[in-house]
């Protein structure tokens, strides 16, 4: 579902999934319906950002690499050391970040979304 090109495509695939799985495993269909549109909140973004919004791989990779680099130090001297070390590793090229797809449209405002008080 999440790999459809448009929000309408996602909704179509979602309906097809529900039609198929409601008979085979009602709990799965009920769970998907209960989650509702919250599962597809990335569709509020510009479509060029969807790929990056669907995954946290870039963030996880950065955290993993940073942890690996500071593992050799028993204790960092203070909280200010952490961002300095991170930027030093980025500036030296020891940690590289991939460019976020759709970065050109990050400044565009999001469509308003009703607040889910149940969540």
PDB file of N, CA and C in Angstrom:
ATOM      1  N   UNK A   1       0.814  -1.190   0.000  1.00  0.00           N
ATOM      2  CA  UNK A   1       0.000   0.000   0.000  1.00  0.00           C
ATOM      3  C   UNK A   1       0.861   1.259   0.000  1.00  0.00           C
ATOM      4  N   UNK A   2       1.884   1.287   0.842  1.00  0.00           N
ATOM      5  CA  UNK A   2       2.640   2.525   0.996  1.00  0.00           C
ATOM      6  C   UNK A   2       3.498   2.860  -0.226  1.00  0.00           C
ATOM      7  N   UNK A   3       3.649   1.928  -1.133  1.00  0.00           N
ATOM      8  CA  UNK A   3       4.479   2.190  -2.305  1.00  0.00           C
ATOM      9  C   UNK A   3       3.677   2.665  -3.506  1.00  0.00           C
ATOM     10  N   UNK A   4       2.404   2.951  -3.332  1.00  0.00           N
ATOM     11  CA  UNK A   4       1.599   3.507  -4.412  1.00  0.00           C
ATOM     12  C   UNK A   4       2.096   4.924  -4.712  1.00  0.00           C
ATOM     13  N   UNK A   5       1.860   5.380  -5.933  1.00  0.00           N
ATOM     14  CA  UNK A   5       2.362   6.686  -6.354  1.00  0.00           C
ATOM     15  C   UNK A   5       1.496   7.851  -5.887  1.00  0.00           C
ATOM     16  N   UNK A   6       0.244   7.591  -5.569  1.00  0.00           N
ATOM     17  CA  UNK A   6      -0.668   8.661  -5.181  1.00  0.00           C
ATOM     18  C   UNK A   6      -1.480   8.245  -3.958  1.00  0.00           C
ATOM     19  N   UNK A   7      -2.095   9.229  -3.303  1.00  0.00           N
ATOM     20  CA  UNK A   7      -2.953   8.934  -2.155  1.00  0.00           C
ATOM     21  C   UNK A   7      -4.154   8.098  -2.602  1.00  0.00           C
ATOM     22  N   UNK A   8      -4.654   8.372  -3.794  1.00  0.00           N
ATOM     23  CA  UNK A   8      -5.780   7.586  -4.313  1.00  0.00           C
ATOM     24  C   UNK A   8      -5.355   6.136  -4.550  1.00  0.00           C
ATOM     25  N   UNK A   9      -4.136   5.939  -5.008  1.00  0.00           N
ATOM     26  CA  UNK A   9      -3.608   4.594  -5.204  1.00  0.00           C
ATOM     27  C   UNK A   9      -3.475   3.844  -3.890  1.00  0.00           C
ATOM     28  N   UNK A  10      -3.062   4.549  -2.859  1.00  0.00           N
ATOM     29  CA  UNK A  10      -2.967   3.935  -1.525  1.00  0.00           C
ATOM     30  C   UNK A  10      -4.343   3.495  -1.063  1.00  0.00           C
ATOM     31  N   UNK A  11      -5.317   4.368  -1.218  1.00  0.00           N
ATOM     32  CA  UNK A  11      -6.677   4.046  -0.773  1.00  0.00           C
ATOM     33  C   UNK A  11      -7.237   2.853  -1.537  1.00  0.00           C
ATOM     34  N   UNK A  12      -6.972   2.782  -2.840  1.00  0.00           N
ATOM     35  CA  UNK A  12      -7.431   1.654  -3.648  1.00  0.00           C
ATOM     36  C   UNK A  12      -6.807   0.350  -3.146  1.00  0.00           C
ATOM     37  N   UNK A  13      -5.494   0.356  -2.928  1.00  0.00           N
ATOM     38  CA  UNK A  13      -4.813  -0.846  -2.434  1.00  0.00           C
ATOM     39  C   UNK A  13      -5.294  -1.222  -1.036  1.00  0.00           C
ATOM     40  N   UNK A  14      -5.584  -0.231  -0.244  1.00  0.00           N
ATOM     41  CA  UNK A  14      -6.092  -0.476   1.111  1.00  0.00           C
ATOM     42  C   UNK A  14      -7.448  -1.190   1.061  1.00  0.00           C
ATOM     43  N   UNK A  15      -8.324  -0.719   0.191  1.00  0.00           N
ATOM     44  CA  UNK A  15      -9.646  -1.350   0.052  1.00  0.00           C
ATOM     45  C   UNK A  15      -9.521  -2.781  -0.458  1.00  0.00           C
ATOM     46  N   UNK A  16      -8.613  -2.988  -1.409  1.00  0.00           N
ATOM     47  CA  UNK A  16      -8.401  -4.336  -1.928  1.00  0.00           C
ATOM     48  C   UNK A  16      -7.869  -5.267  -0.828  1.00  0.00           C
ATOM     49  N   UNK A  17      -6.945  -4.751  -0.026  1.00  0.00           N
ATOM     50  CA  UNK A  17      -6.387  -5.534   1.077  1.00  0.00           C
ATOM     51  C   UNK A  17      -7.479  -5.912   2.066  1.00  0.00           C
ATOM     52  N   UNK A  18      -8.304  -4.933   2.430  1.00  0.00           N
ATOM     53  CA  UNK A  18      -9.381  -5.190   3.388  1.00  0.00           C
ATOM     54  C   UNK A  18     -10.372  -6.215   2.848  1.00  0.00           C
ATOM     55  N   UNK A  19     -10.708  -6.099   1.563  1.00  0.00           N
ATOM     56  CA  UNK A  19     -11.650  -7.039   0.949  1.00  0.00           C
ATOM     57  C   UNK A  19     -11.102  -8.461   1.013  1.00  0.00           C
ATOM     58  N   UNK A  20      -9.807  -8.618   0.729  1.00  0.00           N
ATOM     59  CA  UNK A  20      -9.198  -9.942   0.718  1.00  0.00           C
ATOM     60  C   UNK A  20      -9.036 -10.505   2.133  1.00  0.00           C
ATOM     61  N   UNK A  21      -8.513  -9.714   3.071  1.00  0.00           N
ATOM     62  CA  UNK A  21      -8.136 -10.225   4.382  1.00  0.00           C
ATOM     63  C   UNK A  21      -9.270 -10.228   5.402  1.00  0.00           C
ATOM     64  N   UNK A  22     -10.345  -9.539   5.128  1.00  0.00           N
ATOM     65  CA  UNK A  22     -11.478  -9.574   6.059  1.00  0.00           C
ATOM     66  C   UNK A  22     -12.014 -10.997   6.189  1.00  0.00           C
ATOM     67  N   UNK A  23     -12.002 -11.741   5.081  1.00  0.00           N
ATOM     68  CA  UNK A  23     -12.495 -13.124   5.096  1.00  0.00           C
ATOM     69  C   UNK A  23     -11.464 -14.095   5.671  1.00  0.00           C
ATOM     70  N   UNK A  24     -10.176 -13.868   5.367  1.00  0.00           N
ATOM     71  CA  UNK A  24      -9.132 -14.794   5.799  1.00  0.00           C
ATOM     72  C   UNK A  24      -8.721 -14.581   7.249  1.00  0.00           C
ATOM     73  N   UNK A  25      -8.612 -13.329   7.651  1.00  0.00           N
ATOM     74  CA  UNK A  25      -8.160 -13.013   9.011  1.00  0.00           C
ATOM     75  C   UNK A  25      -8.766 -11.680   9.436  1.00  0.00           C
ATOM     76  N   UNK A  26      -9.921 -11.759  10.027  1.00  0.00           N
ATOM     77  CA  UNK A  26     -10.685 -10.559  10.386  1.00  0.00           C
ATOM     78  C   UNK A  26      -9.891  -9.617  11.308  1.00  0.00           C
ATOM     79  N   UNK A  27      -9.078 -10.169  12.214  1.00  0.00           N
ATOM     80  CA  UNK A  27      -8.311  -9.338  13.158  1.00  0.00           C
ATOM     81  C   UNK A  27      -7.338  -8.408  12.421  1.00  0.00           C
ATOM     82  N   UNK A  28      -6.725  -8.904  11.352  1.00  0.00           N
ATOM     83  CA  UNK A  28      -5.797  -8.088  10.570  1.00  0.00           C
ATOM     84  C   UNK A  28      -6.551  -6.926   9.930  1.00  0.00           C
ATOM     85  N   UNK A  29      -7.684  -7.217   9.327  1.00  0.00           N
ATOM     86  CA  UNK A  29      -8.490  -6.168   8.686  1.00  0.00           C
ATOM     87  C   UNK A  29      -8.989  -5.158   9.710  1.00  0.00           C
ATOM     88  N   UNK A  30      -9.415  -5.645  10.862  1.00  0.00           N
ATOM     89  CA  UNK A  30      -9.894  -4.747  11.912  1.00  0.00           C
ATOM     90  C   UNK A  30      -8.779  -3.828  12.402  1.00  0.00           C
ATOM     91  N   UNK A  31      -7.587  -4.371  12.532  1.00  0.00           N
ATOM     92  CA  UNK A  31      -6.443  -3.582  12.984  1.00  0.00           C
ATOM     93  C   UNK A  31      -6.112  -2.471  11.984  1.00  0.00           C
ATOM     94  N   UNK A  32      -6.141  -2.802  10.704  1.00  0.00           N
ATOM     95  CA  UNK A  32      -5.867  -1.801   9.674  1.00  0.00           C
ATOM     96  C   UNK A  32      -6.932  -0.710   9.679  1.00  0.00           C
ATOM     97  N   UNK A  33      -8.174  -1.098   9.838  1.00  0.00           N
ATOM     98  CA  UNK A  33      -9.247  -0.107   9.880  1.00  0.00           C
ATOM     99  C   UNK A  33      -9.149   0.762  11.124  1.00  0.00           C
ATOM    100  N   UNK A  34      -8.770   0.172  12.233  1.00  0.00           N
ATOM    101  CA  UNK A  34      -8.642   0.929  13.480  1.00  0.00           C
ATOM    102  C   UNK A  34      -7.543   1.989  13.372  1.00  0.00           C
ATOM    103  N   UNK A  35      -6.437   1.639  12.734  1.00  0.00           N
ATOM    104  CA  UNK A  35      -5.336   2.594  12.565  1.00  0.00           C
ATOM    105  C   UNK A  35      -5.741   3.749  11.658  1.00  0.00           C
ATOM    106  N   UNK A  36      -6.613   3.450  10.707  1.00  0.00           N
ATOM    107  CA  UNK A  36      -7.132   4.495   9.830  1.00  0.00           C
ATOM    108  C   UNK A  36      -6.052   5.218   9.046  1.00  0.00           C
ATOM    109  N   UNK A  37      -6.254   6.513   8.856  1.00  0.00           N
ATOM    110  CA  UNK A  37      -5.344   7.317   8.043  1.00  0.00           C
ATOM    111  C   UNK A  37      -4.020   7.618   8.733  1.00  0.00           C
ATOM    112  N   UNK A  38      -3.929   7.325  10.023  1.00  0.00           N
ATOM    113  CA  UNK A  38      -2.673   7.591  10.735  1.00  0.00           C
ATOM    114  C   UNK A  38      -1.510   6.805  10.140  1.00  0.00           C
ATOM    115  N   UNK A  39      -1.785   5.638   9.563  1.00  0.00           N
ATOM    116  CA  UNK A  39      -0.728   4.852   8.925  1.00  0.00           C
ATOM    117  C   UNK A  39      -0.181   5.525   7.679  1.00  0.00           C
ATOM    118  N   UNK A  40      -0.966   6.385   7.099  1.00  0.00           N
ATOM    119  CA  UNK A  40      -0.588   7.000   5.829  1.00  0.00           C
ATOM    120  C   UNK A  40      -0.425   8.506   5.964  1.00  0.00           C
ATOM    121  N   UNK A  41       0.022   8.960   7.128  1.00  0.00           N
ATOM    122  CA  UNK A  41       0.172  10.398   7.357  1.00  0.00           C
ATOM    123  C   UNK A  41       1.248  11.006   6.463  1.00  0.00           C
ATOM    124  N   UNK A  42       2.163  10.189   5.941  1.00  0.00           N
ATOM    125  CA  UNK A  42       3.192  10.709   5.042  1.00  0.00           C
ATOM    126  C   UNK A  42       2.592  11.283   3.760  1.00  0.00           C
ATOM    127  N   UNK A  43       1.345  10.927   3.433  1.00  0.00           N
ATOM    128  CA  UNK A  43       0.720  11.453   2.209  1.00  0.00           C
ATOM    129  C   UNK A  43       0.424  12.940   2.325  1.00  0.00           C
ATOM    130  N   UNK A  44       0.523  13.511   3.525  1.00  0.00           N
ATOM    131  CA  UNK A  44       0.357  14.952   3.687  1.00  0.00           C
ATOM    132  C   UNK A  44       1.563  15.712   3.153  1.00  0.00           C
ATOM    133  N   UNK A  45       2.685  15.027   3.016  1.00  0.00           N
ATOM    134  CA  UNK A  45       3.906  15.638   2.498  1.00  0.00           C
ATOM    135  C   UNK A  45       3.854  15.709   0.977  1.00  0.00           C
ATOM    136  N   UNK A  46       4.778  16.460   0.415  1.00  0.00           N
ATOM    137  CA  UNK A  46       4.948  16.488  -1.027  1.00  0.00           C
ATOM    138  C   UNK A  46       5.355  15.081  -1.476  1.00  0.00           C
ATOM    139  N   UNK A  47       4.796  14.572  -2.588  1.00  0.00           N
ATOM    140  CA  UNK A  47       5.128  13.203  -3.026  1.00  0.00           C
ATOM    141  C   UNK A  47       6.622  12.933  -3.193  1.00  0.00           C
ATOM    142  N   UNK A  48       7.424  13.958  -3.464  1.00  0.00           N
ATOM    143  CA  UNK A  48       8.867  13.736  -3.609  1.00  0.00           C
ATOM    144  C   UNK A  48       9.518  13.345  -2.285  1.00  0.00           C
ATOM    145  N   UNK A  49       8.849  13.592  -1.152  1.00  0.00           N
ATOM    146  CA  UNK A  49       9.384  13.270   0.173  1.00  0.00           C
ATOM    147  C   UNK A  49       8.889  11.927   0.698  1.00  0.00           C
ATOM    148  N   UNK A  50       7.944  11.301   0.020  1.00  0.00           N
ATOM    149  CA  UNK A  50       7.327  10.073   0.526  1.00  0.00           C
ATOM    150  C   UNK A  50       8.345   8.981   0.825  1.00  0.00           C
ATOM    151  N   UNK A  51       9.304   8.770  -0.068  1.00  0.00           N
ATOM    152  CA  UNK A  51      10.272   7.684   0.115  1.00  0.00           C
ATOM    153  C   UNK A  51      11.044   7.871   1.421  1.00  0.00           C
ATOM    154  N   UNK A  52      11.494   9.076   1.689  1.00  0.00           N
ATOM    155  CA  UNK A  52      12.247   9.331   2.916  1.00  0.00           C
ATOM    156  C   UNK A  52      11.362   9.274   4.147  1.00  0.00           C
ATOM    157  N   UNK A  53      10.104   9.658   4.017  1.00  0.00           N
ATOM    158  CA  UNK A  53       9.189   9.672   5.161  1.00  0.00           C
ATOM    159  C   UNK A  53       8.745   8.266   5.553  1.00  0.00           C
ATOM    160  N   UNK A  54       8.752   7.338   4.619  1.00  0.00           N
ATOM    161  CA  UNK A  54       8.303   5.967   4.911  1.00  0.00           C
ATOM    162  C   UNK A  54       9.341   5.167   5.674  1.00  0.00           C
ATOM    163  N   UNK A  55      10.566   5.638   5.739  1.00  0.00           N
ATOM    164  CA  UNK A  55      11.626   4.863   6.371  1.00  0.00           C
ATOM    165  C   UNK A  55      12.460   5.744   7.291  1.00  0.00           C
ATOM    166  N   UNK A  56      13.055   5.137   8.281  1.00  0.00           N
ATOM    167  CA  UNK A  56      13.943   5.863   9.185  1.00  0.00           C
ATOM    168  C   UNK A  56      15.389   5.407   8.989  1.00  0.00           C
ATOM    169  N   UNK A  57      15.685   4.806   7.856  1.00  0.00           N
ATOM    170  CA  UNK A  57      17.020   4.250   7.628  1.00  0.00           C
ATOM    171  C   UNK A  57      18.131   5.284   7.774  1.00  0.00           C
ATOM    172  N   UNK A  58      17.933   6.493   7.271  1.00  0.00           N
ATOM    173  CA  UNK A  58      18.984   7.516   7.347  1.00  0.00           C
ATOM    174  C   UNK A  58      19.272   7.872   8.797  1.00  0.00           C
ATOM    175  N   UNK A  59      18.238   8.014   9.606  1.00  0.00           N
ATOM    176  CA  UNK A  59      18.414   8.357  11.023  1.00  0.00           C
ATOM    177  C   UNK A  59      19.054   7.197  11.776  1.00  0.00           C
ATOM    178  N   UNK A  60      18.576   5.982  11.510  1.00  0.00           N
ATOM    179  CA  UNK A  60      19.131   4.813  12.181  1.00  0.00           C
ATOM    180  C   UNK A  60      20.601   4.628  11.839  1.00  0.00           C
ATOM    181  N   UNK A  61      20.948   4.856  10.594  1.00  0.00           N
ATOM    182  CA  UNK A  61      22.340   4.713  10.160  1.00  0.00           C
ATOM    183  C   UNK A  61      23.227   5.740  10.855  1.00  0.00           C
ATOM    184  N   UNK A  62      22.751   6.967  10.945  1.00  0.00           N
ATOM    185  CA  UNK A  62      23.512   8.013  11.620  1.00  0.00           C
ATOM    186  C   UNK A  62      23.718   7.661  13.091  1.00  0.00           C
ATOM    187  N   UNK A  63      22.658   7.227  13.772  1.00  0.00           N
ATOM    188  CA  UNK A  63      22.780   6.846  15.182  1.00  0.00           C
ATOM    189  C   UNK A  63      23.748   5.684  15.372  1.00  0.00           C
ATOM    190  N   UNK A  64      23.652   4.694  14.499  1.00  0.00           N
ATOM    191  CA  UNK A  64      24.531   3.527  14.593  1.00  0.00           C
ATOM    192  C   UNK A  64      25.995   3.923  14.428  1.00  0.00           C
ATOM    193  N   UNK A  65      26.259   4.740  13.428  1.00  0.00           N
ATOM    194  CA  UNK A  65      27.639   5.153  13.164  1.00  0.00           C
ATOM    195  C   UNK A  65      28.176   6.033  14.290  1.00  0.00           C
ATOM    196  N   UNK A  66      27.344   6.930  14.807  1.00  0.00           N
ATOM    197  CA  UNK A  66      27.769   7.808  15.896  1.00  0.00           C
ATOM    198  C   UNK A  66      28.069   6.987  17.147  1.00  0.00           C
ATOM    199  N   UNK A  67      27.205   6.014  17.475  1.00  0.00           N
ATOM    200  CA  UNK A  67      27.431   5.154  18.632  1.00  0.00           C
ATOM    201  C   UNK A  67      28.738   4.372  18.484  1.00  0.00           C
ATOM    202  N   UNK A  68      28.989   3.903  17.276  1.00  0.00           N
ATOM    203  CA  UNK A  68      30.218   3.149  17.025  1.00  0.00           C
ATOM    204  C   UNK A  68      31.445   4.029  17.269  1.00  0.00           C
ATOM    205  N   UNK A  69      31.341   5.296  16.883  1.00  0.00           N
ATOM    206  CA  UNK A  69      32.478   6.211  17.034  1.00  0.00           C
ATOM    207  C   UNK A  69      32.737   6.587  18.485  1.00  0.00           C
ATOM    208  N   UNK A  70      31.679   6.721  19.292  1.00  0.00           N
ATOM    209  CA  UNK A  70      31.894   7.151  20.676  1.00  0.00           C
ATOM    210  C   UNK A  70      32.035   5.982  21.642  1.00  0.00           C
ATOM    211  N   UNK A  71      31.872   4.754  21.149  1.00  0.00           N
ATOM    212  CA  UNK A  71      31.976   3.580  22.008  1.00  0.00           C
ATOM    213  C   UNK A  71      33.362   3.484  22.649  1.00  0.00           C
ATOM    214  N   UNK A  72      34.373   3.960  21.971  1.00  0.00           N
ATOM    215  CA  UNK A  72      35.741   3.859  22.487  1.00  0.00           C
ATOM    216  C   UNK A  72      35.990   4.798  23.654  1.00  0.00           C
ATOM    217  N   UNK A  73      35.126   5.801  23.816  1.00  0.00           N
ATOM    218  CA  UNK A  73      35.291   6.741  24.931  1.00  0.00           C
ATOM    219  C   UNK A  73      34.396   6.303  26.082  1.00  0.00           C
ATOM    220  N   UNK A  74      34.943   6.233  27.253  1.00  0.00           N
ATOM    221  CA  UNK A  74      34.155   5.791  28.401  1.00  0.00           C
ATOM    222  C   UNK A  74      33.062   6.803  28.742  1.00  0.00           C
ATOM    223  N   UNK A  75      33.426   8.070  28.811  1.00  0.00           N
ATOM    224  CA  UNK A  75      32.484   9.117  29.191  1.00  0.00           C
ATOM    225  C   UNK A  75      32.813  10.371  28.396  1.00  0.00           C
ATOM    226  N   UNK A  76      31.794  11.044  27.921  1.00  0.00           N
ATOM    227  CA  UNK A  76      32.016  12.338  27.284  1.00  0.00           C
ATOM    228  C   UNK A  76      32.042  13.398  28.377  1.00  0.00           C
ATOM    229  N   UNK A  77      32.892  14.396  28.261  1.00  0.00           N
ATOM    230  CA  UNK A  77      33.068  15.362  29.345  1.00  0.00           C
ATOM    231  C   UNK A  77      31.814  16.161  29.714  1.00  0.00           C
ATOM    232  N   UNK A  78      30.998  16.511  28.716  1.00  0.00           N
ATOM    233  CA  UNK A  78      29.781  17.272  29.018  1.00  0.00           C
ATOM    234  C   UNK A  78      28.805  17.135  27.855  1.00  0.00           C
ATOM    235  N   UNK A  79      27.590  17.618  28.049  1.00  0.00           N
ATOM    236  CA  UNK A  79      26.543  17.486  27.023  1.00  0.00           C
ATOM    237  C   UNK A  79      26.906  18.233  25.746  1.00  0.00           C
ATOM    238  N   UNK A  80      27.638  19.336  25.861  1.00  0.00           N
ATOM    239  CA  UNK A  80      28.014  20.121  24.676  1.00  0.00           C
ATOM    240  C   UNK A  80      28.996  19.379  23.777  1.00  0.00           C
ATOM    241  N   UNK A  81      29.656  18.367  24.324  1.00  0.00           N
ATOM    242  CA  UNK A  81      30.627  17.594  23.555  1.00  0.00           C
ATOM    243  C   UNK A  81      29.950  16.777  22.456  1.00  0.00           C
ATOM    244  N   UNK A  82      28.739  16.327  22.716  1.00  0.00           N
ATOM    245  CA  UNK A  82      28.049  15.447  21.772  1.00  0.00           C
ATOM    246  C   UNK A  82      27.825  16.129  20.421  1.00  0.00           C
ATOM    247  N   UNK A  83      27.169  17.313  20.364  1.00  0.00           N
ATOM    248  CA  UNK A  83      26.996  17.926  19.041  1.00  0.00           C
ATOM    249  C   UNK A  83      28.313  18.330  18.387  1.00  0.00           C
ATOM    250  N   UNK A  84      29.306  18.749  19.215  1.00  0.00           N
ATOM    251  CA  UNK A  84      30.604  19.107  18.634  1.00  0.00           C
ATOM    252  C   UNK A  84      31.244  17.897  17.966  1.00  0.00           C
ATOM    253  N   UNK A  85      31.163  16.752  18.636  1.00  0.00           N
ATOM    254  CA  UNK A  85      31.740  15.528  18.078  1.00  0.00           C
ATOM    255  C   UNK A  85      30.998  15.105  16.814  1.00  0.00           C
ATOM    256  N   UNK A  86      29.676  15.187  16.857  1.00  0.00           N
ATOM    257  CA  UNK A  86      28.883  14.825  15.688  1.00  0.00           C
ATOM    258  C   UNK A  86      29.254  15.692  14.484  1.00  0.00           C
ATOM    259  N   UNK A  87      29.280  17.005  14.685  1.00  0.00           N
ATOM    260  CA  UNK A  87      29.610  17.896  13.563  1.00  0.00           C
ATOM    261  C   UNK A  87      31.039  17.694  13.098  1.00  0.00           C
ATOM    262  N   UNK A  88      31.960  17.397  14.006  1.00  0.00           N
ATOM    263  CA  UNK A  88      33.341  17.137  13.603  1.00  0.00           C
ATOM    264  C   UNK A  88      33.427  15.880  12.731  1.00  0.00           C
ATOM    265  N   UNK A  89      32.689  14.841  13.123  1.00  0.00           N
ATOM    266  CA  UNK A  89      32.681  13.610  12.326  1.00  0.00           C
ATOM    267  C   UNK A  89      32.042  13.838  10.958  1.00  0.00           C
ATOM    268  N   UNK A  90      30.983  14.653  10.917  1.00  0.00           N
ATOM    269  CA  UNK A  90      30.356  14.976   9.632  1.00  0.00           C
ATOM    270  C   UNK A  90      31.295  15.805   8.763  1.00  0.00           C
ATOM    271  N   UNK A  91      31.913  16.837   9.358  1.00  0.00           N
ATOM    272  CA  UNK A  91      32.804  17.731   8.602  1.00  0.00           C
ATOM    273  C   UNK A  91      34.017  16.993   8.064  1.00  0.00           C
ATOM    274  N   UNK A  92      34.527  16.028   8.811  1.00  0.00           N
ATOM    275  CA  UNK A  92      35.711  15.289   8.368  1.00  0.00           C
ATOM    276  C   UNK A  92      35.377  14.209   7.347  1.00  0.00           C
ATOM    277  N   UNK A  93      34.096  13.932   7.180  1.00  0.00           N
ATOM    278  CA  UNK A  93      33.691  12.907   6.224  1.00  0.00           C
ATOM    279  C   UNK A  93      33.693  11.506   6.796  1.00  0.00           C
ATOM    280  N   UNK A  94      33.959  11.374   8.095  1.00  0.00           N
ATOM    281  CA  UNK A  94      33.960  10.050   8.713  1.00  0.00           C
ATOM    282  C   UNK A  94      32.543   9.491   8.832  1.00  0.00           C
ATOM    283  N   UNK A  95      31.570  10.389   8.942  1.00  0.00           N
ATOM    284  CA  UNK A  95      30.162  10.006   8.895  1.00  0.00           C
ATOM    285  C   UNK A  95      29.551  10.758   7.721  1.00  0.00           C
ATOM    286  N   UNK A  96      28.887  10.046   6.865  1.00  0.00           N
ATOM    287  CA  UNK A  96      28.240  10.688   5.724  1.00  0.00           C
ATOM    288  C   UNK A  96      26.749  10.439   5.785  1.00  0.00           C
ATOM    289  N   UNK A  97      25.989  11.463   5.488  1.00  0.00           N
ATOM    290  CA  UNK A  97      24.537  11.337   5.473  1.00  0.00           C
ATOM    291  C   UNK A  97      24.072  11.362   4.029  1.00  0.00           C
ATOM    292  N   UNK A  98      23.106  10.535   3.734  1.00  0.00           N
ATOM    293  CA  UNK A  98      22.557  10.584   2.383  1.00  0.00           C
ATOM    294  C   UNK A  98      21.575  11.735   2.306  1.00  0.00           C
ATOM    295  N   UNK A  99      21.421  12.267   1.126  1.00  0.00           N
ATOM    296  CA  UNK A  99      20.495  13.375   0.927  1.00  0.00           C
ATOM    297  C   UNK A  99      19.061  12.859   1.039  1.00  0.00           C
ATOM    298  N   UNK A 100      18.242  13.580   1.769  1.00  0.00           N
ATOM    299  CA  UNK A 100      16.841  13.220   1.921  1.00  0.00           C
ATOM    300  C   UNK A 100      16.122  13.501   0.609  1.00  0.00           C
ATOM    301  N   UNK A 101      15.428  12.498   0.088  1.00  0.00           N
ATOM    302  CA  UNK A 101      14.671  12.697  -1.144  1.00  0.00           C
ATOM    303  C   UNK A 101      13.619  13.772  -0.917  1.00  0.00           C
ATOM    304  N   UNK A 102      13.492  14.678  -1.867  1.00  0.00           N
ATOM    305  CA  UNK A 102      12.490  15.735  -1.765  1.00  0.00           C
ATOM    306  C   UNK A 102      12.908  16.880  -0.873  1.00  0.00           C
ATOM    307  N   UNK A 103      14.198  17.019  -0.588  1.00  0.00           N
ATOM    308  CA  UNK A 103      14.666  18.061   0.330  1.00  0.00           C
ATOM    309  C   UNK A 103      14.300  19.456  -0.157  1.00  0.00           C
ATOM    310  N   UNK A 104      14.114  19.610  -1.481  1.00  0.00           N
ATOM    311  CA  UNK A 104      13.793  20.932  -2.016  1.00  0.00           C
ATOM    312  C   UNK A 104      12.423  21.412  -1.542  1.00  0.00           C
ATOM    313  N   UNK A 105      11.553  20.501  -1.174  1.00  0.00           N
ATOM    314  CA  UNK A 105      10.182  20.875  -0.809  1.00  0.00           C
ATOM    315  C   UNK A 105       9.937  20.803   0.701  1.00  0.00           C
ATOM    316  N   UNK A 106      10.990  20.661   1.500  1.00  0.00           N
ATOM    317  CA  UNK A 106      10.818  20.538   2.949  1.00  0.00           C
ATOM    318  C   UNK A 106      10.185  21.782   3.578  1.00  0.00           C
ATOM    319  N   UNK A 107      10.347  22.934   2.956  1.00  0.00           N
ATOM    320  CA  UNK A 107       9.817  24.164   3.548  1.00  0.00           C
ATOM    321  C   UNK A 107       8.331  24.366   3.264  1.00  0.00           C
ATOM    322  N   UNK A 108       7.732  23.526   2.426  1.00  0.00           N
ATOM    323  CA  UNK A 108       6.311  23.675   2.126  1.00  0.00           C
ATOM    324  C   UNK A 108       5.468  23.288   3.336  1.00  0.00           C
ATOM    325  N   UNK A 109       4.405  24.065   3.615  1.00  0.00           N
ATOM    326  CA  UNK A 109       3.549  23.716   4.758  1.00  0.00           C
ATOM    327  C   UNK A 109       2.774  22.433   4.501  1.00  0.00           C
ATOM    328  N   UNK A 110       2.461  21.722   5.580  1.00  0.00           N
ATOM    329  CA  UNK A 110       1.688  20.488   5.482  1.00  0.00           C
ATOM    330  C   UNK A 110       0.205  20.797   5.439  1.00  0.00           C
ATOM    331  N   UNK A 111      -0.555  19.870   4.864  1.00  0.00           N
ATOM    332  CA  UNK A 111      -1.997  19.990   4.902  1.00  0.00           C
ATOM    333  C   UNK A 111      -2.449  19.857   6.347  1.00  0.00           C
ATOM    334  N   UNK A 112      -3.443  20.644   6.762  1.00  0.00           N
ATOM    335  CA  UNK A 112      -3.915  20.504   8.149  1.00  0.00           C
ATOM    336  C   UNK A 112      -4.507  19.107   8.382  1.00  0.00           C
ATOM    337  N   UNK A 113      -4.311  18.629   9.602  1.00  0.00           N
ATOM    338  CA  UNK A 113      -4.819  17.295   9.953  1.00  0.00           C
ATOM    339  C   UNK A 113      -5.467  17.397  11.329  1.00  0.00           C
ATOM    340  N   UNK A 114      -6.609  16.775  11.443  1.00  0.00           N
ATOM    341  CA  UNK A 114      -7.321  16.812  12.720  1.00  0.00           C
ATOM    342  C   UNK A 114      -6.512  16.093  13.790  1.00  0.00           C
ATOM    343  N   UNK A 115      -6.518  16.640  14.987  1.00  0.00           N
ATOM    344  CA  UNK A 115      -5.805  16.040  16.098  1.00  0.00           C
ATOM    345  C   UNK A 115      -6.533  14.801  16.576  1.00  0.00           C
ATOM    346  N   UNK A 116      -5.816  13.709  16.709  1.00  0.00           N
ATOM    347  CA  UNK A 116      -6.413  12.449  17.153  1.00  0.00           C
ATOM    348  C   UNK A 116      -6.295  12.378  18.668  1.00  0.00           C
ATOM    349  N   UNK A 117      -7.355  12.660  19.370  1.00  0.00           N
ATOM    350  CA  UNK A 117      -7.322  12.693  20.824  1.00  0.00           C
ATOM    351  C   UNK A 117      -7.239  11.307  21.437  1.00  0.00           C
ATOM    352  N   UNK A 118      -7.557  10.281  20.670  1.00  0.00           N
ATOM    353  CA  UNK A 118      -7.538   8.910  21.197  1.00  0.00           C
ATOM    354  C   UNK A 118      -6.130   8.338  21.229  1.00  0.00           C
ATOM    355  N   UNK A 119      -5.232   8.890  20.455  1.00  0.00           N
ATOM    356  CA  UNK A 119      -3.887   8.323  20.336  1.00  0.00           C
ATOM    357  C   UNK A 119      -3.018   8.598  21.513  1.00  0.00           C
TER     358      UNK A 119
END
